[in-house]
């Protein structure tokens, strides 16, 4: 019985967060300049604080492992840091022009981008090289775990 209530609470939190993000998308897409500016005044700092808190919770230990995700002996990058890297670091690198006016190589072309997903040099060597997919326009529910994921 408890597991069902916990799952229901997680689903309710997930739905509330997605609904809030959808409202933000709507204001950005359809709002006038003053409503977009007031939204930016409030929401940019809230989203920034949320990301900082999330990244602090998942900060890697001295061995480069996330204390919350428990990847054990496998190591590897925490999912939170992989997403942060895709949205904050890789997109910045992809959009930065070179001194010649062209664009720098994309990550999928074997060009390393700074430190690894957890901010440690160990993960720089180990992480896969890929080009991030574009950010979704709307948030969607994550897929349910399969029996292999448990």
Protein backbone atom coordinates (compact mmCIF):
# COMPACT_ATOMS: atom_id res chain seq x y z
CA UNK A 1 0.00 0.00 0.00
CA UNK A 2 2.81 2.40 0.85
CA UNK A 3 4.55 1.92 -2.48
CA UNK A 4 1.35 2.84 -4.31
CA UNK A 5 0.97 6.06 -2.30
CA UNK A 6 4.61 6.99 -2.84
CA UNK A 7 4.27 6.37 -6.57
CA UNK A 8 1.09 8.45 -6.66
CA UNK A 9 2.85 11.30 -4.85
CA UNK A 10 5.82 11.13 -7.24
CA UNK A 11 3.43 11.17 -10.20
CA UNK A 12 1.59 14.18 -8.74
CA UNK A 13 4.87 16.06 -8.25
CA UNK A 14 5.96 15.13 -11.76
CA UNK A 15 2.63 16.33 -13.24
CA UNK A 16 2.80 19.61 -11.29
CA UNK A 17 6.37 20.28 -12.46
CA UNK A 18 5.50 19.51 -16.09
CA UNK A 19 2.38 21.70 -15.90
CA UNK A 20 4.50 24.57 -14.55
CA UNK A 21 7.04 24.17 -17.36
CA UNK A 22 4.20 24.04 -19.91
CA UNK A 23 2.83 27.33 -18.52
CA UNK A 24 6.29 28.88 -18.86
CA UNK A 25 6.50 27.68 -22.47
CA UNK A 26 3.07 29.17 -23.18
CA UNK A 27 4.00 32.58 -21.78
CA UNK A 28 7.25 32.58 -23.75
CA UNK A 29 5.49 31.55 -26.97
CA UNK A 30 2.33 33.66 -26.73
CA UNK A 31 2.92 36.34 -24.10
CA UNK A 32 3.56 39.98 -24.79
CA UNK A 33 6.92 41.57 -24.06
CA UNK A 34 6.02 42.78 -20.55
CA UNK A 35 4.74 39.35 -19.44
CA UNK A 36 7.86 37.67 -20.86
CA UNK A 37 10.09 40.17 -19.05
CA UNK A 38 8.34 39.68 -15.71
CA UNK A 39 8.52 35.92 -16.25
CA UNK A 40 12.27 36.18 -16.87
CA UNK A 41 12.71 38.30 -13.72
CA UNK A 42 11.19 35.58 -11.56
CA UNK A 43 11.80 32.29 -13.33
CA UNK A 44 15.40 32.58 -14.49
CA UNK A 45 16.63 32.90 -10.91
CA UNK A 46 14.32 30.09 -9.74
CA UNK A 47 15.46 27.73 -12.50
CA UNK A 48 19.08 28.63 -11.86
CA UNK A 49 18.69 27.97 -8.12
CA UNK A 50 16.94 24.67 -8.86
CA UNK A 51 19.77 23.51 -11.13
CA UNK A 52 22.38 24.57 -8.58
CA UNK A 53 20.62 22.58 -5.84
CA UNK A 54 20.23 19.53 -8.08
CA UNK A 55 23.88 19.61 -9.14
CA UNK A 56 24.98 20.06 -5.52
CA UNK A 57 23.00 16.97 -4.50
CA UNK A 58 24.65 14.96 -7.28
CA UNK A 59 28.15 16.39 -6.83
CA UNK A 60 30.69 13.60 -7.41
CA UNK A 61 32.81 12.34 -4.53
CA UNK A 62 36.61 12.12 -4.56
CA UNK A 63 36.41 9.09 -6.89
CA UNK A 64 34.09 10.87 -9.35
CA UNK A 65 30.96 8.92 -8.33
CA UNK A 66 27.56 10.40 -7.61
CA UNK A 67 26.51 9.78 -3.98
CA UNK A 68 22.81 9.54 -4.90
CA UNK A 69 22.77 7.55 -8.12
CA UNK A 70 24.80 4.64 -6.75
CA UNK A 71 26.44 3.45 -9.94
CA UNK A 72 28.74 1.29 -7.81
CA UNK A 73 31.79 -0.22 -9.45
CA UNK A 74 30.62 0.74 -12.93
CA UNK A 75 31.30 4.39 -12.25
CA UNK A 76 30.38 6.54 -15.19
CA UNK A 77 28.56 9.79 -15.34
CA UNK A 78 25.50 10.52 -13.25
CA UNK A 79 22.41 11.08 -15.40
CA UNK A 80 21.87 14.52 -13.86
CA UNK A 81 25.35 15.60 -14.90
CA UNK A 82 24.94 14.11 -18.38
CA UNK A 83 21.78 16.20 -18.90
CA UNK A 84 23.47 19.30 -17.46
CA UNK A 85 26.41 18.80 -19.78
CA UNK A 86 24.16 18.40 -22.83
CA UNK A 87 22.09 21.49 -22.08
CA UNK A 88 24.71 23.84 -20.65
CA UNK A 89 28.16 22.84 -21.85
CA UNK A 90 27.77 21.10 -25.19
CA UNK A 91 25.29 23.60 -26.61
CA UNK A 92 27.58 26.46 -25.58
CA UNK A 93 30.49 24.80 -27.35
CA UNK A 94 28.40 24.05 -30.46
CA UNK A 95 27.29 27.66 -30.77
CA UNK A 96 30.66 29.29 -30.12
CA UNK A 97 32.29 30.58 -33.33
CA UNK A 98 35.99 30.01 -33.90
CA UNK A 99 38.49 32.81 -34.50
CA UNK A 100 38.19 32.21 -38.26
CA UNK A 101 34.46 32.86 -38.15
CA UNK A 102 33.50 29.21 -38.60
CA UNK A 103 32.15 26.86 -36.00
CA UNK A 104 34.15 24.55 -33.80
CA UNK A 105 33.80 20.81 -34.44
CA UNK A 106 30.77 19.18 -32.88
CA UNK A 107 31.27 16.65 -30.08
CA UNK A 108 30.38 13.74 -32.36
CA UNK A 109 33.43 14.51 -34.46
CA UNK A 110 35.85 13.37 -31.77
CA UNK A 111 36.62 16.81 -30.34
CA UNK A 112 36.63 16.61 -26.52
CA UNK A 113 34.63 19.27 -24.70
CA UNK A 114 36.21 20.31 -21.40
CA UNK A 115 35.89 18.00 -18.45
CA UNK A 116 33.67 14.94 -18.22
CA UNK A 117 30.00 14.83 -17.32
CA UNK A 118 30.73 14.82 -13.59
CA UNK A 119 33.34 17.53 -13.93
CA UNK A 120 36.21 15.12 -13.44
CA UNK A 121 39.00 14.36 -15.91
CA UNK A 122 38.40 10.61 -15.46
CA UNK A 123 35.01 10.86 -17.12
CA UNK A 124 36.38 12.93 -19.99
CA UNK A 125 38.32 9.93 -21.24
CA UNK A 126 35.54 7.44 -20.54
CA UNK A 127 32.43 9.22 -21.78
CA UNK A 128 30.90 8.56 -25.14
CA UNK A 129 31.27 11.15 -27.85
CA UNK A 130 27.88 12.16 -29.20
CA UNK A 131 25.95 15.12 -30.43
CA UNK A 132 23.11 16.03 -28.07
CA UNK A 133 19.60 15.77 -29.35
CA UNK A 134 17.72 19.06 -29.55
CA UNK A 135 15.83 20.09 -26.44
CA UNK A 136 12.21 18.92 -26.41
CA UNK A 137 9.54 21.56 -26.99
CA UNK A 138 7.32 20.00 -24.34
CA UNK A 139 8.23 17.82 -21.42
CA UNK A 140 6.90 14.31 -21.65
CA UNK A 141 6.61 11.55 -19.12
CA UNK A 142 9.75 9.40 -18.89
CA UNK A 143 9.36 5.78 -20.00
CA UNK A 144 8.41 3.24 -17.35
CA UNK A 145 11.30 1.08 -16.15
CA UNK A 146 11.48 -2.36 -17.68
CA UNK A 147 12.32 -5.50 -15.75
CA UNK A 148 15.93 -5.17 -16.97
CA UNK A 149 16.26 -1.66 -15.45
CA UNK A 150 15.33 -2.71 -11.90
